[in-house]
Structures are given as C-alpha cells and as structure tokens.
Amino acid sequence: MNPTDDLYKLDLSYLGAFSTRLDTPWGALFYNENQSRYYDANHAHVIRECHDPQTMVAEVVSFYQKKNLVPRLYIHELHLQQQCCLN
C-alpha cells in the first residue's frame, strides 16, 4: 500500500468527524449544512484520477449550490490530474 493512501484514510476519517461524506468515482464530497462557513466541512476532495474534469466540476458546483454552500475543491495527486490541467 502506498503511504499516501494511509494519509488519505486518516484525513477522510478526520473530515468525517464533523461532516457527511458522499463517495464519488474521483474522490468524495463533504458537507455539513450546520457549519456552512467552515471550509473543511464543505468541499470536494479529488483523490483519484478524474477523466472528465468539466463534468466533475459541474457535479461539485451543482451539489453544493443545491445545499446553499460554497463549492470548494481540494485536488490531490496532481500527477494524475492532467485532464484537469489541460482544460
């Protein structure tokens, strides 16, 4: 197992302590409508390779707008995110 995977698991557990997690093919959406201004409680965590960044961004924006939350993205593993960089 990659040591980075252990860090992600720890981070995901920490974030799950104060927000709800919805897993996606490219990572996870975290939200807590009771803490709408707390950035760590409300953001998308992009961990796995994203092949269609435009669709992913549209999904993130739509998800958070429906909840009246500010959409935020944390993008990890930049070497896997070449499609995000090209668009």
C-alpha atoms as a PDB file:
ATOM      1  CA  MET A   1       0.000   0.000   0.000  1.00  0.00           C
ATOM      2  CA  ASN A   2       1.166   3.494  -0.823  1.00  0.00           C
ATOM      3  CA  PRO A   3       1.981   5.588   2.306  1.00  0.00           C
ATOM      4  CA  THR A   4      -0.089   8.390   0.780  1.00  0.00           C
ATOM      5  CA  ASP A   5      -3.134   6.112   0.954  1.00  0.00           C
ATOM      6  CA  ASP A   6      -2.741   5.918   4.726  1.00  0.00           C
ATOM      7  CA  LEU A   7      -2.664   9.706   4.935  1.00  0.00           C
ATOM      8  CA  TYR A   8      -5.835   9.969   2.855  1.00  0.00           C
ATOM      9  CA  LYS A   9      -7.591   7.443   5.076  1.00  0.00           C
ATOM     10  CA  LEU A  10      -6.615   9.427   8.148  1.00  0.00           C
ATOM     11  CA  ASP A  11      -7.726  12.687   6.542  1.00  0.00           C
ATOM     12  CA  LEU A  12     -11.047  11.187   5.427  1.00  0.00           C
ATOM     13  CA  SER A  13     -11.680   9.884   8.957  1.00  0.00           C
ATOM     14  CA  TYR A  14     -10.916  13.303  10.432  1.00  0.00           C
ATOM     15  CA  LEU A  15     -13.235  15.066   7.985  1.00  0.00           C
ATOM     16  CA  GLY A  16     -15.956  12.505   8.687  1.00  0.00           C
ATOM     17  CA  ALA A  17     -15.940  13.525  12.350  1.00  0.00           C
ATOM     18  CA  PHE A  18     -17.737  16.798  11.542  1.00  0.00           C
ATOM     19  CA  SER A  19     -19.183  16.334   8.066  1.00  0.00           C
ATOM     20  CA  THR A  20     -21.036  13.828   5.935  1.00  0.00           C
ATOM     21  CA  ARG A  21     -19.114  12.103   3.154  1.00  0.00           C
ATOM     22  CA  LEU A  22     -20.516  11.118  -0.203  1.00  0.00           C
ATOM     23  CA  ASP A  23     -18.071   8.976  -2.198  1.00  0.00           C
ATOM     24  CA  THR A  24     -17.642   9.608  -5.928  1.00  0.00           C
ATOM     25  CA  PRO A  25     -15.580   7.904  -8.664  1.00  0.00           C
ATOM     26  CA  TRP A  26     -12.949  10.664  -8.383  1.00  0.00           C
ATOM     27  CA  GLY A  27     -12.966  11.233  -4.591  1.00  0.00           C
ATOM     28  CA  ALA A  28     -15.562  12.465  -2.116  1.00  0.00           C
ATOM     29  CA  LEU A  29     -17.953  15.294  -1.353  1.00  0.00           C
ATOM     30  CA  PHE A  30     -18.004  16.527   2.237  1.00  0.00           C
ATOM     31  CA  TYR A  31     -20.812  18.643   3.615  1.00  0.00           C
ATOM     32  CA  ASN A  32     -22.309  19.915   6.845  1.00  0.00           C
ATOM     33  CA  GLU A  33     -25.127  22.382   6.332  1.00  0.00           C
ATOM     34  CA  ASN A  34     -24.991  23.308  10.038  1.00  0.00           C
ATOM     35  CA  GLN A  35     -21.427  24.553   9.559  1.00  0.00           C
ATOM     36  CA  SER A  36     -21.889  26.287   6.231  1.00  0.00           C
ATOM     37  CA  ARG A  37     -18.930  28.635   6.639  1.00  0.00           C
ATOM     38  CA  TYR A  38     -16.420  26.030   7.761  1.00  0.00           C
ATOM     39  CA  TYR A  39     -14.405  25.192   4.652  1.00  0.00           C
ATOM     40  CA  ASP A  40     -13.201  21.768   5.837  1.00  0.00           C
ATOM     41  CA  ALA A  41     -16.795  20.653   6.411  1.00  0.00           C
ATOM     42  CA  ASN A  42     -17.880  21.597   2.896  1.00  0.00           C
ATOM     43  CA  HIS A  43     -15.641  20.691  -0.011  1.00  0.00           C
ATOM     44  CA  ALA A  44     -14.892  18.151  -2.703  1.00  0.00           C
ATOM     45  CA  HIS A  45     -11.799  16.041  -2.196  1.00  0.00           C
ATOM     46  CA  VAL A  46     -10.379  14.959  -5.594  1.00  0.00           C
ATOM     47  CA  ILE A  47      -8.095  11.992  -4.896  1.00  0.00           C
ATOM     48  CA  ARG A  48      -8.472   9.584  -7.802  1.00  0.00           C
ATOM     49  CA  GLU A  49      -7.802  10.369 -11.437  1.00  0.00           C
ATOM     50  CA  CYS A  50     -10.529  12.485 -12.989  1.00  0.00           C
ATOM     51  CA  HIS A  51     -11.045  11.740 -16.685  1.00  0.00           C
ATOM     52  CA  ASP A  52     -13.767  14.328 -17.267  1.00  0.00           C
ATOM     53  CA  PRO A  53     -12.977  17.447 -15.209  1.00  0.00           C
ATOM     54  CA  GLN A  54     -15.766  19.556 -16.718  1.00  0.00           C
ATOM     55  CA  THR A  55     -18.388  17.038 -15.623  1.00  0.00           C
ATOM     56  CA  MET A  56     -16.751  16.709 -12.204  1.00  0.00           C
ATOM     57  CA  VAL A  57     -16.702  20.484 -11.654  1.00  0.00           C
ATOM     58  CA  ALA A  58     -20.330  20.771 -12.798  1.00  0.00           C
ATOM     59  CA  GLU A  59     -21.264  17.978 -10.360  1.00  0.00           C
ATOM     60  CA  VAL A  60     -19.457  19.704  -7.487  1.00  0.00           C
ATOM     61  CA  VAL A  61     -20.956  23.137  -8.201  1.00  0.00           C
ATOM     62  CA  SER A  62     -24.470  21.719  -8.586  1.00  0.00           C
ATOM     63  CA  PHE A  63     -24.198  19.615  -5.414  1.00  0.00           C
ATOM     64  CA  TYR A  64     -23.109  22.496  -3.194  1.00  0.00           C
ATOM     65  CA  GLN A  65     -25.418  25.085  -4.762  1.00  0.00           C
ATOM     66  CA  LYS A  66     -28.416  22.841  -4.050  1.00  0.00           C
ATOM     67  CA  LYS A  67     -27.359  22.887  -0.393  1.00  0.00           C
ATOM     68  CA  ASN A  68     -26.666  26.649  -0.420  1.00  0.00           C
ATOM     69  CA  LEU A  69     -22.994  26.003   0.293  1.00  0.00           C
ATOM     70  CA  VAL A  70     -19.908  27.463  -1.363  1.00  0.00           C
ATOM     71  CA  PRO A  71     -18.303  24.869  -3.665  1.00  0.00           C
ATOM     72  CA  ARG A  72     -14.617  24.207  -2.962  1.00  0.00           C
ATOM     73  CA  LEU A  73     -12.184  21.718  -4.451  1.00  0.00           C
ATOM     74  CA  TYR A  74      -9.136  20.147  -2.868  1.00  0.00           C
ATOM     75  CA  ILE A  75      -7.205  18.464  -5.698  1.00  0.00           C
ATOM     76  CA  HIS A  76      -4.609  15.847  -4.724  1.00  0.00           C
ATOM     77  CA  GLU A  77      -2.302  13.605  -6.732  1.00  0.00           C
ATOM     78  CA  LEU A  78      -1.664  16.305  -9.309  1.00  0.00           C
ATOM     79  CA  HIS A  79       0.365  13.924 -11.447  1.00  0.00           C
ATOM     80  CA  LEU A  80      -2.905  12.004 -12.038  1.00  0.00           C
ATOM     81  CA  GLN A  81      -4.903  15.129 -12.823  1.00  0.00           C
ATOM     82  CA  GLN A  82      -3.502  16.011 -16.236  1.00  0.00           C
ATOM     83  CA  GLN A  83      -7.012  16.306 -17.681  1.00  0.00           C
ATOM     84  CA  CYS A  84      -7.774  19.000 -15.079  1.00  0.00           C
ATOM     85  CA  CYS A  85      -4.669  20.910 -16.117  1.00  0.00           C
ATOM     86  CA  LEU A  86      -5.417  20.711 -19.832  1.00  0.00           C
ATOM     87  CA  ASN A  87      -8.898  22.191 -19.579  1.00  0.00           C
END
